[in-house]
Amino acid sequence: MPVTRRPRPSAVLPVGWALTLVFDVLATALASFVLCGVGLLLPGITEDYGPTTGPTSPTALAVFATAFALIASLIGTATVVSRARGGRARALALWLAAGRLALLVAAAATFVAYGILTVEP
């Protein structure tokens, strides 16, 4: 009598984690695009152009580096989530994605609150 193998439980994410990852991707991409836009506009605002027409301001370069770090962390999280077959690595990647999303939302809320409190009055 042949021994039948039980099918392995699927590695499908629960709906809550899937929604968290979707919002994380959207928020991270939007934040990195906004940071790139700020990095492009910053030298014109501060009139800090270098010998070429490109931005050489240390502040603008730091903004570009931050945008790059956000995208790199997003790629790293996606790689770990897609390759992990469950367990600690996947849970860690999911919690890091949730933490990054919380930081991005908190930063956006702080920026809006600061604008309302300082620009409105």
PDB file of N, CA and C in Angstrom:
ATOM      1  N   MET A   1       0.843  -1.154   0.000  1.00  0.00           N
ATOM      2  CA  MET A   1       0.000   0.000   0.000  1.00  0.00           C
ATOM      3  C   MET A   1       0.906   1.239   0.000  1.00  0.00           C
ATOM      4  N   PRO A   2       0.755   2.113  -1.002  1.00  0.00           N
ATOM      5  CA  PRO A   2       1.616   3.295  -1.066  1.00  0.00           C
ATOM      6  C   PRO A   2       1.258   4.301   0.021  1.00  0.00           C
ATOM      7  N   VAL A   3       2.288   4.918   0.515  1.00  0.00           N
ATOM      8  CA  VAL A   3       2.089   5.939   1.534  1.00  0.00           C
ATOM      9  C   VAL A   3       1.846   7.262   0.824  1.00  0.00           C
ATOM     10  N   THR A   4       0.736   7.857   1.119  1.00  0.00           N
ATOM     11  CA  THR A   4       0.429   9.147   0.487  1.00  0.00           C
ATOM     12  C   THR A   4       0.987  10.267   1.354  1.00  0.00           C
ATOM     13  N   ARG A   5       1.511  11.232   0.707  1.00  0.00           N
ATOM     14  CA  ARG A   5       2.056  12.381   1.433  1.00  0.00           C
ATOM     15  C   ARG A   5       0.956  13.401   1.647  1.00  0.00           C
ATOM     16  N   ARG A   6       0.978  13.952   2.782  1.00  0.00           N
ATOM     17  CA  ARG A   6       0.021  15.014   3.070  1.00  0.00           C
ATOM     18  C   ARG A   6       0.470  16.290   2.371  1.00  0.00           C
ATOM     19  N   PRO A   7      -0.461  17.010   1.830  1.00  0.00           N
ATOM     20  CA  PRO A   7      -0.061  18.278   1.217  1.00  0.00           C
ATOM     21  C   PRO A   7       0.421  19.255   2.285  1.00  0.00           C
ATOM     22  N   ARG A   8       1.449  19.964   1.923  1.00  0.00           N
ATOM     23  CA  ARG A   8       2.000  20.949   2.843  1.00  0.00           C
ATOM     24  C   ARG A   8       1.032  22.109   2.998  1.00  0.00           C
ATOM     25  N   PRO A   9       0.879  22.628   4.203  1.00  0.00           N
ATOM     26  CA  PRO A   9      -0.010  23.777   4.354  1.00  0.00           C
ATOM     27  C   PRO A   9       0.489  24.939   3.490  1.00  0.00           C
ATOM     28  N   SER A  10      -0.434  25.645   2.915  1.00  0.00           N
ATOM     29  CA  SER A  10      -0.044  26.721   2.005  1.00  0.00           C
ATOM     30  C   SER A  10       0.590  27.867   2.788  1.00  0.00           C
ATOM     31  N   ALA A  11       1.429  28.583   2.080  1.00  0.00           N
ATOM     32  CA  ALA A  11       2.136  29.706   2.694  1.00  0.00           C
ATOM     33  C   ALA A  11       1.417  31.018   2.402  1.00  0.00           C
ATOM     34  N   VAL A  12       0.112  30.965   2.341  1.00  0.00           N
ATOM     35  CA  VAL A  12      -0.682  32.149   2.057  1.00  0.00           C
ATOM     36  C   VAL A  12      -0.711  33.048   3.289  1.00  0.00           C
ATOM     37  N   LEU A  13      -0.535  34.337   3.037  1.00  0.00           N
ATOM     38  CA  LEU A  13      -0.579  35.298   4.140  1.00  0.00           C
ATOM     39  C   LEU A  13      -2.015  35.544   4.578  1.00  0.00           C
ATOM     40  N   PRO A  14      -2.216  35.778   5.854  1.00  0.00           N
ATOM     41  CA  PRO A  14      -3.546  36.205   6.288  1.00  0.00           C
ATOM     42  C   PRO A  14      -3.892  37.561   5.663  1.00  0.00           C
ATOM     43  N   VAL A  15      -5.156  37.860   5.578  1.00  0.00           N
ATOM     44  CA  VAL A  15      -5.623  39.076   4.914  1.00  0.00           C
ATOM     45  C   VAL A  15      -5.058  40.333   5.576  1.00  0.00           C
ATOM     46  N   GLY A  16      -4.994  40.350   6.890  1.00  0.00           N
ATOM     47  CA  GLY A  16      -4.474  41.527   7.591  1.00  0.00           C
ATOM     48  C   GLY A  16      -3.027  41.827   7.219  1.00  0.00           C
ATOM     49  N   TRP A  17      -2.194  40.788   7.151  1.00  0.00           N
ATOM     50  CA  TRP A  17      -0.798  40.990   6.777  1.00  0.00           C
ATOM     51  C   TRP A  17      -0.677  41.375   5.310  1.00  0.00           C
ATOM     52  N   ALA A  18      -1.510  40.802   4.475  1.00  0.00           N
ATOM     53  CA  ALA A  18      -1.466  41.149   3.049  1.00  0.00           C
ATOM     54  C   ALA A  18      -1.829  42.625   2.851  1.00  0.00           C
ATOM     55  N   LEU A  19      -2.843  43.098   3.556  1.00  0.00           N
ATOM     56  CA  LEU A  19      -3.211  44.517   3.467  1.00  0.00           C
ATOM     57  C   LEU A  19      -2.112  45.415   4.023  1.00  0.00           C
ATOM     58  N   THR A  20      -1.476  44.978   5.101  1.00  0.00           N
ATOM     59  CA  THR A  20      -0.368  45.747   5.662  1.00  0.00           C
ATOM     60  C   THR A  20       0.764  45.866   4.643  1.00  0.00           C
ATOM     61  N   LEU A  21       1.082  44.778   3.968  1.00  0.00           N
ATOM     62  CA  LEU A  21       2.145  44.816   2.965  1.00  0.00           C
ATOM     63  C   LEU A  21       1.768  45.695   1.777  1.00  0.00           C
ATOM     64  N   VAL A  22       0.514  45.665   1.374  1.00  0.00           N
ATOM     65  CA  VAL A  22       0.069  46.523   0.261  1.00  0.00           C
ATOM     66  C   VAL A  22       0.211  47.988   0.638  1.00  0.00           C
ATOM     67  N   PHE A  23      -0.275  48.360   1.808  1.00  0.00           N
ATOM     68  CA  PHE A  23      -0.155  49.753   2.240  1.00  0.00           C
ATOM     69  C   PHE A  23       1.306  50.143   2.460  1.00  0.00           C
ATOM     70  N   ASP A  24       2.111  49.195   2.921  1.00  0.00           N
ATOM     71  CA  ASP A  24       3.533  49.459   3.118  1.00  0.00           C
ATOM     72  C   ASP A  24       4.212  49.765   1.787  1.00  0.00           C
ATOM     73  N   VAL A  25       3.916  48.982   0.762  1.00  0.00           N
ATOM     74  CA  VAL A  25       4.513  49.217  -0.554  1.00  0.00           C
ATOM     75  C   VAL A  25       4.081  50.574  -1.097  1.00  0.00           C
ATOM     76  N   LEU A  26       2.789  50.862  -1.007  1.00  0.00           N
ATOM     77  CA  LEU A  26       2.295  52.140  -1.523  1.00  0.00           C
ATOM     78  C   LEU A  26       2.869  53.330  -0.757  1.00  0.00           C
ATOM     79  N   ALA A  27       2.881  53.249   0.568  1.00  0.00           N
ATOM     80  CA  ALA A  27       3.398  54.355   1.368  1.00  0.00           C
ATOM     81  C   ALA A  27       4.895  54.544   1.170  1.00  0.00           C
ATOM     82  N   THR A  28       5.635  53.451   1.070  1.00  0.00           N
ATOM     83  CA  THR A  28       7.076  53.553   0.869  1.00  0.00           C
ATOM     84  C   THR A  28       7.398  54.130  -0.503  1.00  0.00           C
ATOM     85  N   ALA A  29       6.698  53.673  -1.527  1.00  0.00           N
ATOM     86  CA  ALA A  29       6.929  54.214  -2.872  1.00  0.00           C
ATOM     87  C   ALA A  29       6.566  55.697  -2.937  1.00  0.00           C
ATOM     88  N   LEU A  30       5.432  56.059  -2.345  1.00  0.00           N
ATOM     89  CA  LEU A  30       5.027  57.470  -2.346  1.00  0.00           C
ATOM     90  C   LEU A  30       6.020  58.328  -1.579  1.00  0.00           C
ATOM     91  N   ALA A  31       6.451  57.857  -0.427  1.00  0.00           N
ATOM     92  CA  ALA A  31       7.414  58.618   0.367  1.00  0.00           C
ATOM     93  C   ALA A  31       8.738  58.776  -0.364  1.00  0.00           C
ATOM     94  N   SER A  32       9.189  57.731  -1.044  1.00  0.00           N
ATOM     95  CA  SER A  32      10.459  57.850  -1.763  1.00  0.00           C
ATOM     96  C   SER A  32      10.333  58.784  -2.962  1.00  0.00           C
ATOM     97  N   PHE A  33       9.182  58.780  -3.644  1.00  0.00           N
ATOM     98  CA  PHE A  33       8.976  59.732  -4.742  1.00  0.00           C
ATOM     99  C   PHE A  33       8.940  61.165  -4.229  1.00  0.00           C
ATOM    100  N   VAL A  34       8.282  61.373  -3.108  1.00  0.00           N
ATOM    101  CA  VAL A  34       8.230  62.717  -2.519  1.00  0.00           C
ATOM    102  C   VAL A  34       9.628  63.159  -2.098  1.00  0.00           C
ATOM    103  N   LEU A  35      10.386  62.262  -1.499  1.00  0.00           N
ATOM    104  CA  LEU A  35      11.754  62.607  -1.108  1.00  0.00           C
ATOM    105  C   LEU A  35      12.622  62.939  -2.320  1.00  0.00           C
ATOM    106  N   CYS A  36      12.447  62.201  -3.410  1.00  0.00           N
ATOM    107  CA  CYS A  36      13.200  62.521  -4.627  1.00  0.00           C
ATOM    108  C   CYS A  36      12.800  63.889  -5.166  1.00  0.00           C
ATOM    109  N   GLY A  37      11.527  64.198  -5.124  1.00  0.00           N
ATOM    110  CA  GLY A  37      11.071  65.519  -5.550  1.00  0.00           C
ATOM    111  C   GLY A  37      11.629  66.627  -4.676  1.00  0.00           C
ATOM    112  N   VAL A  38      11.635  66.398  -3.372  1.00  0.00           N
ATOM    113  CA  VAL A  38      12.215  67.388  -2.456  1.00  0.00           C
ATOM    114  C   VAL A  38      13.703  67.535  -2.720  1.00  0.00           C
ATOM    115  N   GLY A  39      14.374  66.430  -2.969  1.00  0.00           N
ATOM    116  CA  GLY A  39      15.808  66.481  -3.269  1.00  0.00           C
ATOM    117  C   GLY A  39      16.102  67.246  -4.541  1.00  0.00           C
ATOM    118  N   LEU A  40      15.218  67.122  -5.525  1.00  0.00           N
ATOM    119  CA  LEU A  40      15.406  67.880  -6.763  1.00  0.00           C
ATOM    120  C   LEU A  40      15.108  69.365  -6.588  1.00  0.00           C
ATOM    121  N   LEU A  41      14.125  69.696  -5.765  1.00  0.00           N
ATOM    122  CA  LEU A  41      13.736  71.092  -5.568  1.00  0.00           C
ATOM    123  C   LEU A  41      14.603  71.822  -4.548  1.00  0.00           C
ATOM    124  N   LEU A  42      15.199  71.095  -3.634  1.00  0.00           N
ATOM    125  CA  LEU A  42      15.946  71.708  -2.537  1.00  0.00           C
ATOM    126  C   LEU A  42      17.091  72.613  -2.988  1.00  0.00           C
ATOM    127  N   PRO A  43      17.913  72.222  -3.957  1.00  0.00           N
ATOM    128  CA  PRO A  43      18.984  73.133  -4.371  1.00  0.00           C
ATOM    129  C   PRO A  43      18.455  74.438  -4.969  1.00  0.00           C
ATOM    130  N   GLY A  44      17.323  74.377  -5.655  1.00  0.00           N
ATOM    131  CA  GLY A  44      16.738  75.599  -6.200  1.00  0.00           C
ATOM    132  C   GLY A  44      16.192  76.499  -5.112  1.00  0.00           C
ATOM    133  N   ILE A  45      15.655  75.904  -4.080  1.00  0.00           N
ATOM    134  CA  ILE A  45      15.108  76.696  -2.975  1.00  0.00           C
ATOM    135  C   ILE A  45      16.244  77.345  -2.189  1.00  0.00           C
ATOM    136  N   THR A  46      17.287  76.580  -1.926  1.00  0.00           N
ATOM    137  CA  THR A  46      18.405  77.108  -1.130  1.00  0.00           C
ATOM    138  C   THR A  46      19.480  77.754  -1.995  1.00  0.00           C
ATOM    139  N   GLU A  47      19.264  77.738  -3.341  1.00  0.00           N
ATOM    140  CA  GLU A  47      20.226  78.300  -4.293  1.00  0.00           C
ATOM    141  C   GLU A  47      21.617  77.722  -4.076  1.00  0.00           C
ATOM    142  N   ASP A  48      21.664  76.406  -3.999  1.00  0.00           N
ATOM    143  CA  ASP A  48      22.910  75.698  -3.713  1.00  0.00           C
ATOM    144  C   ASP A  48      23.265  74.758  -4.859  1.00  0.00           C
ATOM    145  N   TYR A  49      23.407  75.308  -6.061  1.00  0.00           N
ATOM    146  CA  TYR A  49      23.806  74.499  -7.200  1.00  0.00           C
ATOM    147  C   TYR A  49      25.316  74.440  -7.270  1.00  0.00           C
ATOM    148  N   GLY A  50      25.815  73.301  -7.695  1.00  0.00           N
ATOM    149  CA  GLY A  50      27.255  73.118  -7.824  1.00  0.00           C
ATOM    150  C   GLY A  50      27.731  73.589  -9.183  1.00  0.00           C
ATOM    151  N   PRO A  51      28.953  73.196  -9.550  1.00  0.00           N
ATOM    152  CA  PRO A  51      29.497  73.605 -10.836  1.00  0.00           C
ATOM    153  C   PRO A  51      28.675  73.073 -12.012  1.00  0.00           C
ATOM    154  N   THR A  52      28.038  71.940 -11.844  1.00  0.00           N
ATOM    155  CA  THR A  52      27.157  71.420 -12.885  1.00  0.00           C
ATOM    156  C   THR A  52      25.731  71.828 -12.550  1.00  0.00           C
ATOM    157  N   THR A  53      24.816  71.424 -13.365  1.00  0.00           N
ATOM    158  CA  THR A  53      23.424  71.795 -13.108  1.00  0.00           C
ATOM    159  C   THR A  53      22.741  70.868 -12.119  1.00  0.00           C
ATOM    160  N   GLY A  54      23.403  69.816 -11.688  1.00  0.00           N
ATOM    161  CA  GLY A  54      22.811  68.864 -10.759  1.00  0.00           C
ATOM    162  C   GLY A  54      22.927  69.312  -9.316  1.00  0.00           C
ATOM    163  N   PRO A  55      22.090  68.770  -8.470  1.00  0.00           N
ATOM    164  CA  PRO A  55      22.159  69.132  -7.052  1.00  0.00           C
ATOM    165  C   PRO A  55      23.388  68.529  -6.379  1.00  0.00           C
ATOM    166  N   THR A  56      24.179  69.353  -5.734  1.00  0.00           N
ATOM    167  CA  THR A  56      25.331  68.866  -4.986  1.00  0.00           C
ATOM    168  C   THR A  56      25.227  69.239  -3.520  1.00  0.00           C
ATOM    169  N   SER A  57      24.098  69.751  -3.133  1.00  0.00           N
ATOM    170  CA  SER A  57      23.879  70.121  -1.742  1.00  0.00           C
ATOM    171  C   SER A  57      23.953  68.871  -0.869  1.00  0.00           C
ATOM    172  N   PRO A  58      24.666  68.937   0.247  1.00  0.00           N
ATOM    173  CA  PRO A  58      24.702  67.770   1.144  1.00  0.00           C
ATOM    174  C   PRO A  58      23.317  67.385   1.652  1.00  0.00           C
ATOM    175  N   THR A  59      22.471  68.372   1.867  1.00  0.00           N
ATOM    176  CA  THR A  59      21.119  68.086   2.328  1.00  0.00           C
ATOM    177  C   THR A  59      20.328  67.356   1.245  1.00  0.00           C
ATOM    178  N   ALA A  60      20.460  67.806  -0.010  1.00  0.00           N
ATOM    179  CA  ALA A  60      19.753  67.144  -1.108  1.00  0.00           C
ATOM    180  C   ALA A  60      20.265  65.720  -1.294  1.00  0.00           C
ATOM    181  N   LEU A  61      21.558  65.539  -1.173  1.00  0.00           N
ATOM    182  CA  LEU A  61      22.109  64.190  -1.311  1.00  0.00           C
ATOM    183  C   LEU A  61      21.640  63.286  -0.173  1.00  0.00           C
ATOM    184  N   ALA A  62      21.498  63.847   1.023  1.00  0.00           N
ATOM    185  CA  ALA A  62      20.980  63.064   2.149  1.00  0.00           C
ATOM    186  C   ALA A  62      19.521  62.668   1.911  1.00  0.00           C
ATOM    187  N   VAL A  63      18.749  63.563   1.300  1.00  0.00           N
ATOM    188  CA  VAL A  63      17.354  63.243   0.992  1.00  0.00           C
ATOM    189  C   VAL A  63      17.291  62.122  -0.042  1.00  0.00           C
ATOM    190  N   PHE A  64      18.146  62.174  -1.064  1.00  0.00           N
ATOM    191  CA  PHE A  64      18.200  61.100  -2.054  1.00  0.00           C
ATOM    192  C   PHE A  64      18.637  59.784  -1.416  1.00  0.00           C
ATOM    193  N   ALA A  65      19.589  59.847  -0.499  1.00  0.00           N
ATOM    194  CA  ALA A  65      20.042  58.633   0.187  1.00  0.00           C
ATOM    195  C   ALA A  65      18.920  58.026   1.025  1.00  0.00           C
ATOM    196  N   THR A  66      18.112  58.866   1.645  1.00  0.00           N
ATOM    197  CA  THR A  66      16.979  58.380   2.427  1.00  0.00           C
ATOM    198  C   THR A  66      15.958  57.692   1.527  1.00  0.00           C
ATOM    199  N   ALA A  67      15.682  58.287   0.375  1.00  0.00           N
ATOM    200  CA  ALA A  67      14.753  57.664  -0.575  1.00  0.00           C
ATOM    201  C   ALA A  67      15.297  56.324  -1.046  1.00  0.00           C
ATOM    202  N   PHE A  68      16.594  56.262  -1.317  1.00  0.00           N
ATOM    203  CA  PHE A  68      17.217  55.003  -1.734  1.00  0.00           C
ATOM    204  C   PHE A  68      17.131  53.969  -0.619  1.00  0.00           C
ATOM    205  N   ALA A  69      17.351  54.382   0.620  1.00  0.00           N
ATOM    206  CA  ALA A  69      17.277  53.451   1.750  1.00  0.00           C
ATOM    207  C   ALA A  69      15.865  52.897   1.918  1.00  0.00           C
ATOM    208  N   LEU A  70      14.861  53.727   1.695  1.00  0.00           N
ATOM    209  CA  LEU A  70      13.483  53.247   1.787  1.00  0.00           C
ATOM    210  C   LEU A  70      13.206  52.177   0.733  1.00  0.00           C
ATOM    211  N   ILE A  71      13.619  52.439  -0.498  1.00  0.00           N
ATOM    212  CA  ILE A  71      13.385  51.469  -1.568  1.00  0.00           C
ATOM    213  C   ILE A  71      14.199  50.193  -1.322  1.00  0.00           C
ATOM    214  N   ALA A  72      15.434  50.344  -0.849  1.00  0.00           N
ATOM    215  CA  ALA A  72      16.260  49.167  -0.573  1.00  0.00           C
ATOM    216  C   ALA A  72      15.644  48.316   0.543  1.00  0.00           C
ATOM    217  N   SER A  73      15.110  48.960   1.576  1.00  0.00           N
ATOM    218  CA  SER A  73      14.486  48.191   2.656  1.00  0.00           C
ATOM    219  C   SER A  73      13.211  47.512   2.171  1.00  0.00           C
ATOM    220  N   LEU A  74      12.502  48.156   1.262  1.00  0.00           N
ATOM    221  CA  LEU A  74      11.307  47.545   0.695  1.00  0.00           C
ATOM    222  C   LEU A  74      11.668  46.316  -0.137  1.00  0.00           C
ATOM    223  N   ILE A  75      12.719  46.423  -0.928  1.00  0.00           N
ATOM    224  CA  ILE A  75      13.168  45.281  -1.733  1.00  0.00           C
ATOM    225  C   ILE A  75      13.638  44.147  -0.827  1.00  0.00           C
ATOM    226  N   GLY A  76      14.367  44.485   0.229  1.00  0.00           N
ATOM    227  CA  GLY A  76      14.825  43.466   1.175  1.00  0.00           C
ATOM    228  C   GLY A  76      13.668  42.756   1.853  1.00  0.00           C
ATOM    229  N   THR A  77      12.662  43.510   2.259  1.00  0.00           N
ATOM    230  CA  THR A  77      11.494  42.910   2.899  1.00  0.00           C
ATOM    231  C   THR A  77      10.755  42.003   1.931  1.00  0.00           C
ATOM    232  N   ALA A  78      10.580  42.460   0.699  1.00  0.00           N
ATOM    233  CA  ALA A  78       9.884  41.640  -0.297  1.00  0.00           C
ATOM    234  C   ALA A  78      10.645  40.347  -0.578  1.00  0.00           C
ATOM    235  N   THR A  79      11.961  40.427  -0.613  1.00  0.00           N
ATOM    236  CA  THR A  79      12.774  39.233  -0.859  1.00  0.00           C
ATOM    237  C   THR A  79      12.630  38.228   0.279  1.00  0.00           C
ATOM    238  N   VAL A  80      12.698  38.722   1.502  1.00  0.00           N
ATOM    239  CA  VAL A  80      12.598  37.814   2.656  1.00  0.00           C
ATOM    240  C   VAL A  80      11.210  37.194   2.738  1.00  0.00           C
ATOM    241  N   VAL A  81      10.163  37.999   2.502  1.00  0.00           N
ATOM    242  CA  VAL A  81       8.805  37.469   2.588  1.00  0.00           C
ATOM    243  C   VAL A  81       8.556  36.435   1.500  1.00  0.00           C
ATOM    244  N   SER A  82       9.076  36.690   0.296  1.00  0.00           N
ATOM    245  CA  SER A  82       8.806  35.751  -0.798  1.00  0.00           C
ATOM    246  C   SER A  82       9.609  34.460  -0.678  1.00  0.00           C
ATOM    247  N   ARG A  83      10.799  34.501  -0.090  1.00  0.00           N
ATOM    248  CA  ARG A  83      11.633  33.300   0.002  1.00  0.00           C
ATOM    249  C   ARG A  83      11.432  32.512   1.278  1.00  0.00           C
ATOM    250  N   ALA A  84      10.939  33.165   2.314  1.00  0.00           N
ATOM    251  CA  ALA A  84      10.749  32.475   3.592  1.00  0.00           C
ATOM    252  C   ALA A  84       9.564  31.530   3.480  1.00  0.00           C
ATOM    253  N   ARG A  85       9.720  30.377   4.030  1.00  0.00           N
ATOM    254  CA  ARG A  85       8.652  29.386   3.988  1.00  0.00           C
ATOM    255  C   ARG A  85       7.913  29.329   5.324  1.00  0.00           C
ATOM    256  N   GLY A  86       7.901  30.424   5.991  1.00  0.00           N
ATOM    257  CA  GLY A  86       7.254  30.482   7.293  1.00  0.00           C
ATOM    258  C   GLY A  86       8.304  30.641   8.362  1.00  0.00           C
ATOM    259  N   GLY A  87       7.879  30.714   9.566  1.00  0.00           N
ATOM    260  CA  GLY A  87       8.811  30.776  10.672  1.00  0.00           C
ATOM    261  C   GLY A  87       9.271  32.176  11.006  1.00  0.00           C
ATOM    262  N   ARG A  88      10.440  32.234  11.616  1.00  0.00           N
ATOM    263  CA  ARG A  88      10.938  33.492  12.164  1.00  0.00           C
ATOM    264  C   ARG A  88      11.304  34.527  11.114  1.00  0.00           C
ATOM    265  N   ALA A  89      11.940  34.111  10.026  1.00  0.00           N
ATOM    266  CA  ALA A  89      12.362  35.072   9.004  1.00  0.00           C
ATOM    267  C   ALA A  89      11.167  35.802   8.404  1.00  0.00           C
ATOM    268  N   ARG A  90      10.123  35.059   8.122  1.00  0.00           N
ATOM    269  CA  ARG A  90       8.923  35.676   7.553  1.00  0.00           C
ATOM    270  C   ARG A  90       8.235  36.587   8.556  1.00  0.00           C
ATOM    271  N   ALA A  91       8.139  36.145   9.790  1.00  0.00           N
ATOM    272  CA  ALA A  91       7.507  36.963  10.823  1.00  0.00           C
ATOM    273  C   ALA A  91       8.303  38.252  11.051  1.00  0.00           C
ATOM    274  N   LEU A  92       9.622  38.135  11.058  1.00  0.00           N
ATOM    275  CA  LEU A  92      10.459  39.323  11.235  1.00  0.00           C
ATOM    276  C   LEU A  92      10.269  40.300  10.082  1.00  0.00           C
ATOM    277  N   ALA A  93      10.227  39.798   8.852  1.00  0.00           N
ATOM    278  CA  ALA A  93      10.032  40.663   7.691  1.00  0.00           C
ATOM    279  C   ALA A  93       8.669  41.347   7.742  1.00  0.00           C
ATOM    280  N   LEU A  94       7.650  40.633   8.154  1.00  0.00           N
ATOM    281  CA  LEU A  94       6.320  41.222   8.249  1.00  0.00           C
ATOM    282  C   LEU A  94       6.267  42.299   9.326  1.00  0.00           C
ATOM    283  N   TRP A  95       6.905  42.055  10.460  1.00  0.00           N
ATOM    284  CA  TRP A  95       6.915  43.060  11.520  1.00  0.00           C
ATOM    285  C   TRP A  95       7.755  44.273  11.127  1.00  0.00           C
ATOM    286  N   LEU A  96       8.839  44.055  10.389  1.00  0.00           N
ATOM    287  CA  LEU A  96       9.624  45.194   9.903  1.00  0.00           C
ATOM    288  C   LEU A  96       8.821  46.031   8.908  1.00  0.00           C
ATOM    289  N   ALA A  97       8.048  45.380   8.058  1.00  0.00           N
ATOM    290  CA  ALA A  97       7.192  46.105   7.119  1.00  0.00           C
ATOM    291  C   ALA A  97       6.138  46.916   7.873  1.00  0.00           C
ATOM    292  N   ALA A  98       5.552  46.313   8.887  1.00  0.00           N
ATOM    293  CA  ALA A  98       4.554  47.034   9.687  1.00  0.00           C
ATOM    294  C   ALA A  98       5.201  48.206  10.428  1.00  0.00           C
ATOM    295  N   GLY A  99       6.411  48.012  10.927  1.00  0.00           N
ATOM    296  CA  GLY A  99       7.117  49.101  11.608  1.00  0.00           C
ATOM    297  C   GLY A  99       7.474  50.233  10.664  1.00  0.00           C
ATOM    298  N   ARG A 100       7.937  49.889   9.449  1.00  0.00           N
ATOM    299  CA  ARG A 100       8.257  50.918   8.460  1.00  0.00           C
ATOM    300  C   ARG A 100       7.003  51.699   8.085  1.00  0.00           C
ATOM    301  N   LEU A 101       5.887  50.991   7.919  1.00  0.00           N
ATOM    302  CA  LEU A 101       4.634  51.654   7.596  1.00  0.00           C
ATOM    303  C   LEU A 101       4.209  52.589   8.720  1.00  0.00           C
ATOM    304  N   ALA A 102       4.352  52.147   9.952  1.00  0.00           N
ATOM    305  CA  ALA A 102       3.998  53.002  11.094  1.00  0.00           C
ATOM    306  C   ALA A 102       4.880  54.241  11.142  1.00  0.00           C
ATOM    307  N   LEU A 103       6.178  54.083  10.877  1.00  0.00           N
ATOM    308  CA  LEU A 103       7.067  55.248  10.863  1.00  0.00           C
ATOM    309  C   LEU A 103       6.719  56.222   9.745  1.00  0.00           C
ATOM    310  N   LEU A 104       6.391  55.706   8.575  1.00  0.00           N
ATOM    311  CA  LEU A 104       6.020  56.582   7.462  1.00  0.00           C
ATOM    312  C   LEU A 104       4.728  57.326   7.745  1.00  0.00           C
ATOM    313  N   VAL A 105       3.748  56.640   8.316  1.00  0.00           N
ATOM    314  CA  VAL A 105       2.483  57.293   8.653  1.00  0.00           C
ATOM    315  C   VAL A 105       2.693  58.330   9.745  1.00  0.00           C
ATOM    316  N   ALA A 106       3.511  58.012  10.745  1.00  0.00           N
ATOM    317  CA  ALA A 106       3.789  58.978  11.816  1.00  0.00           C
ATOM    318  C   ALA A 106       4.531  60.196  11.279  1.00  0.00           C
ATOM    319  N   ALA A 107       5.482  59.975  10.367  1.00  0.00           N
ATOM    320  CA  ALA A 107       6.211  61.103   9.785  1.00  0.00           C
ATOM    321  C   ALA A 107       5.283  61.993   8.960  1.00  0.00           C
ATOM    322  N   ALA A 108       4.401  61.382   8.181  1.00  0.00           N
ATOM    323  CA  ALA A 108       3.458  62.170   7.383  1.00  0.00           C
ATOM    324  C   ALA A 108       2.501  62.946   8.283  1.00  0.00           C
ATOM    325  N   ALA A 109       2.009  62.316   9.334  1.00  0.00           N
ATOM    326  CA  ALA A 109       1.103  63.006  10.259  1.00  0.00           C
ATOM    327  C   ALA A 109       1.814  64.147  10.972  1.00  0.00           C
ATOM    328  N   THR A 110       3.066  63.935  11.347  1.00  0.00           N
ATOM    329  CA  THR A 110       3.841  64.993  11.994  1.00  0.00           C
ATOM    330  C   THR A 110       4.070  66.158  11.043  1.00  0.00           C
ATOM    331  N   PHE A 111       4.374  65.854   9.791  1.00  0.00           N
ATOM    332  CA  PHE A 111       4.581  66.897   8.792  1.00  0.00           C
ATOM    333  C   PHE A 111       3.309  67.715   8.590  1.00  0.00           C
ATOM    334  N   VAL A 112       2.164  67.051   8.507  1.00  0.00           N
ATOM    335  CA  VAL A 112       0.894  67.758   8.333  1.00  0.00           C
ATOM    336  C   VAL A 112       0.573  68.590   9.571  1.00  0.00           C
ATOM    337  N   ALA A 113       0.767  68.015  10.744  1.00  0.00           N
ATOM    338  CA  ALA A 113       0.487  68.762  11.978  1.00  0.00           C
ATOM    339  C   ALA A 113       1.414  69.975  12.103  1.00  0.00           C
ATOM    340  N   TYR A 114       2.674  69.813  11.761  1.00  0.00           N
ATOM    341  CA  TYR A 114       3.615  70.933  11.807  1.00  0.00           C
ATOM    342  C   TYR A 114       3.208  72.028  10.836  1.00  0.00           C
ATOM    343  N   GLY A 115       2.772  71.635   9.637  1.00  0.00           N
ATOM    344  CA  GLY A 115       2.318  72.619   8.657  1.00  0.00           C
ATOM    345  C   GLY A 115       1.087  73.343   9.127  1.00  0.00           C
ATOM    346  N   ILE A 116       0.164  72.642   9.748  1.00  0.00           N
ATOM    347  CA  ILE A 116      -1.057  73.283  10.237  1.00  0.00           C
ATOM    348  C   ILE A 116      -0.740  74.239  11.374  1.00  0.00           C
ATOM    349  N   LEU A 117       0.130  73.851  12.273  1.00  0.00           N
ATOM    350  CA  LEU A 117       0.432  74.682  13.430  1.00  0.00           C
ATOM    351  C   LEU A 117       1.308  75.882  13.109  1.00  0.00           C
ATOM    352  N   THR A 118       2.193  75.766  12.126  1.00  0.00           N
ATOM    353  CA  THR A 118       3.114  76.868  11.849  1.00  0.00           C
ATOM    354  C   THR A 118       2.688  77.720  10.668  1.00  0.00           C
ATOM    355  N   VAL A 119       2.049  77.138   9.671  1.00  0.00           N
ATOM    356  CA  VAL A 119       1.686  77.909   8.484  1.00  0.00           C
ATOM    357  C   VAL A 119       0.333  78.573   8.645  1.00  0.00           C
ATOM    358  N   GLU A 120      -0.612  77.912   9.241  1.00  0.00           N
ATOM    359  CA  GLU A 120      -1.969  78.449   9.372  1.00  0.00           C
ATOM    360  C   GLU A 120      -2.050  79.733  10.208  1.00  0.00           C
ATOM    361  N   PRO A 121      -1.411  79.799  11.380  1.00  0.00           N
ATOM    362  CA  PRO A 121      -1.586  81.026  12.189  1.00  0.00           C
ATOM    363  C   PRO A 121      -0.908  82.168  11.564  1.00  0.00           C
TER     364      PRO A 121
END
